[in-house]
Amino acid sequence: MLMPMLAEMTGNIHIGLAALGAAIGVGMIGAKASEAVGRNPGAATKILVQSILAIAFAEGIVFFAIFLATAAWPAQ
């Protein structure tokens, strides 16, 4: 009775912290990309491509967290 509840709670915390970290990472990437375009507008396309790739990798961490958290849930 206690173990399934603990598994579910740790999975929820795991996903929440991963989502929080990814959100902070995406915000930092967006801020730095905006700053870089402001400094060098001619490189806007290259900066945009690199920032989109970095955001995709940051969001991919959340998918790994969801996978790992659901793997920890007991079979019902």
C-alpha atoms as a PDB file:
ATOM      1  CA  MET A   1       0.000   0.000   0.000  1.00  0.00           C
ATOM      2  CA  LEU A   2       2.786   2.428   0.867  1.00  0.00           C
ATOM      3  CA  MET A   3       5.097   1.529  -2.017  1.00  0.00           C
ATOM      4  CA  PRO A   4       2.641   2.295  -4.865  1.00  0.00           C
ATOM      5  CA  MET A   5       1.841   5.639  -3.258  1.00  0.00           C
ATOM      6  CA  LEU A   6       5.534   6.506  -2.904  1.00  0.00           C
ATOM      7  CA  ALA A   7       6.199   5.440  -6.497  1.00  0.00           C
ATOM      8  CA  GLU A   8       3.430   7.701  -7.750  1.00  0.00           C
ATOM      9  CA  MET A   9       4.567  10.654  -5.636  1.00  0.00           C
ATOM     10  CA  THR A  10       8.193  10.379  -6.717  1.00  0.00           C
ATOM     11  CA  GLY A  11       7.115  10.090 -10.354  1.00  0.00           C
ATOM     12  CA  ASN A  12       5.045  13.251 -10.057  1.00  0.00           C
ATOM     13  CA  ILE A  13       7.896  15.128  -8.414  1.00  0.00           C
ATOM     14  CA  HIS A  14      10.283  13.822 -11.080  1.00  0.00           C
ATOM     15  CA  ILE A  15       8.109  15.137 -13.909  1.00  0.00           C
ATOM     16  CA  GLY A  16       7.454  18.440 -12.159  1.00  0.00           C
ATOM     17  CA  LEU A  17      11.137  19.172 -11.594  1.00  0.00           C
ATOM     18  CA  ALA A  18      12.021  18.192 -15.156  1.00  0.00           C
ATOM     19  CA  ALA A  19       9.293  20.468 -16.537  1.00  0.00           C
ATOM     20  CA  LEU A  20      10.456  23.316 -14.311  1.00  0.00           C
ATOM     21  CA  GLY A  21      14.055  22.878 -15.432  1.00  0.00           C
ATOM     22  CA  ALA A  22      13.064  22.725 -19.089  1.00  0.00           C
ATOM     23  CA  ALA A  23      10.921  25.855 -18.739  1.00  0.00           C
ATOM     24  CA  ILE A  24      13.799  27.760 -17.149  1.00  0.00           C
ATOM     25  CA  GLY A  25      16.151  26.500 -19.875  1.00  0.00           C
ATOM     26  CA  VAL A  26      13.791  27.540 -22.677  1.00  0.00           C
ATOM     27  CA  GLY A  27      13.402  30.975 -21.116  1.00  0.00           C
ATOM     28  CA  MET A  28      17.149  31.438 -20.864  1.00  0.00           C
ATOM     29  CA  ILE A  29      17.635  30.294 -24.464  1.00  0.00           C
ATOM     30  CA  GLY A  30      14.985  32.746 -25.676  1.00  0.00           C
ATOM     31  CA  ALA A  31      16.488  35.616 -23.684  1.00  0.00           C
ATOM     32  CA  LYS A  32      19.990  34.991 -24.951  1.00  0.00           C
ATOM     33  CA  ALA A  33      18.778  34.541 -28.542  1.00  0.00           C
ATOM     34  CA  SER A  34      16.946  37.866 -28.363  1.00  0.00           C
ATOM     35  CA  GLU A  35      20.043  39.513 -26.943  1.00  0.00           C
ATOM     36  CA  ALA A  36      22.212  38.029 -29.692  1.00  0.00           C
ATOM     37  CA  VAL A  37      19.852  39.218 -32.447  1.00  0.00           C
ATOM     38  CA  GLY A  38      19.827  42.669 -30.877  1.00  0.00           C
ATOM     39  CA  ARG A  39      23.618  42.776 -31.042  1.00  0.00           C
ATOM     40  CA  ASN A  40      23.901  41.353 -34.549  1.00  0.00           C
ATOM     41  CA  PRO A  41      20.661  41.537 -36.579  1.00  0.00           C
ATOM     42  CA  GLY A  42      22.378  40.145 -39.671  1.00  0.00           C
ATOM     43  CA  ALA A  43      22.817  36.765 -37.989  1.00  0.00           C
ATOM     44  CA  ALA A  44      19.144  36.456 -37.016  1.00  0.00           C
ATOM     45  CA  THR A  45      18.478  33.401 -39.185  1.00  0.00           C
ATOM     46  CA  LYS A  46      21.428  31.422 -37.857  1.00  0.00           C
ATOM     47  CA  ILE A  47      20.585  32.368 -34.275  1.00  0.00           C
ATOM     48  CA  LEU A  48      16.952  31.375 -34.808  1.00  0.00           C
ATOM     49  CA  VAL A  49      17.896  27.930 -36.125  1.00  0.00           C
ATOM     50  CA  GLN A  50      20.300  27.267 -33.278  1.00  0.00           C
ATOM     51  CA  SER A  51      17.853  28.463 -30.637  1.00  0.00           C
ATOM     52  CA  ILE A  52      15.043  26.293 -32.017  1.00  0.00           C
ATOM     53  CA  LEU A  53      17.325  23.248 -31.882  1.00  0.00           C
ATOM     54  CA  ALA A  54      18.401  24.069 -28.330  1.00  0.00           C
ATOM     55  CA  ILE A  55      14.773  24.518 -27.246  1.00  0.00           C
ATOM     56  CA  ALA A  56      13.854  21.162 -28.780  1.00  0.00           C
ATOM     57  CA  PHE A  57      16.647  19.447 -26.859  1.00  0.00           C
ATOM     58  CA  ALA A  58      15.589  21.163 -23.622  1.00  0.00           C
ATOM     59  CA  GLU A  59      11.992  20.028 -24.116  1.00  0.00           C
ATOM     60  CA  GLY A  60      13.179  16.497 -24.915  1.00  0.00           C
ATOM     61  CA  ILE A  61      14.332  16.167 -21.323  1.00  0.00           C
ATOM     62  CA  VAL A  62      10.691  16.354 -20.205  1.00  0.00           C
ATOM     63  CA  PHE A  63       9.802  13.411 -22.435  1.00  0.00           C
ATOM     64  CA  PHE A  64      12.574  11.349 -20.875  1.00  0.00           C
ATOM     65  CA  ALA A  65      11.286  12.282 -17.420  1.00  0.00           C
ATOM     66  CA  ILE A  66       7.738  11.255 -18.335  1.00  0.00           C
ATOM     67  CA  PHE A  67       9.009   7.932 -19.670  1.00  0.00           C
ATOM     68  CA  LEU A  68      11.066   7.238 -16.557  1.00  0.00           C
ATOM     69  CA  ALA A  69       8.256   8.258 -14.213  1.00  0.00           C
ATOM     70  CA  THR A  70       5.673   6.070 -15.922  1.00  0.00           C
ATOM     71  CA  ALA A  71       8.107   3.140 -15.871  1.00  0.00           C
ATOM     72  CA  ALA A  72       8.252   3.475 -12.069  1.00  0.00           C
ATOM     73  CA  TRP A  73       4.472   3.233 -11.664  1.00  0.00           C
ATOM     74  CA  PRO A  74       3.298  -0.208 -10.597  1.00  0.00           C
ATOM     75  CA  ALA A  75       1.115  -2.211 -12.945  1.00  0.00           C
ATOM     76  CA  GLN A  76      -2.542  -2.015 -11.942  1.00  0.00           C
END
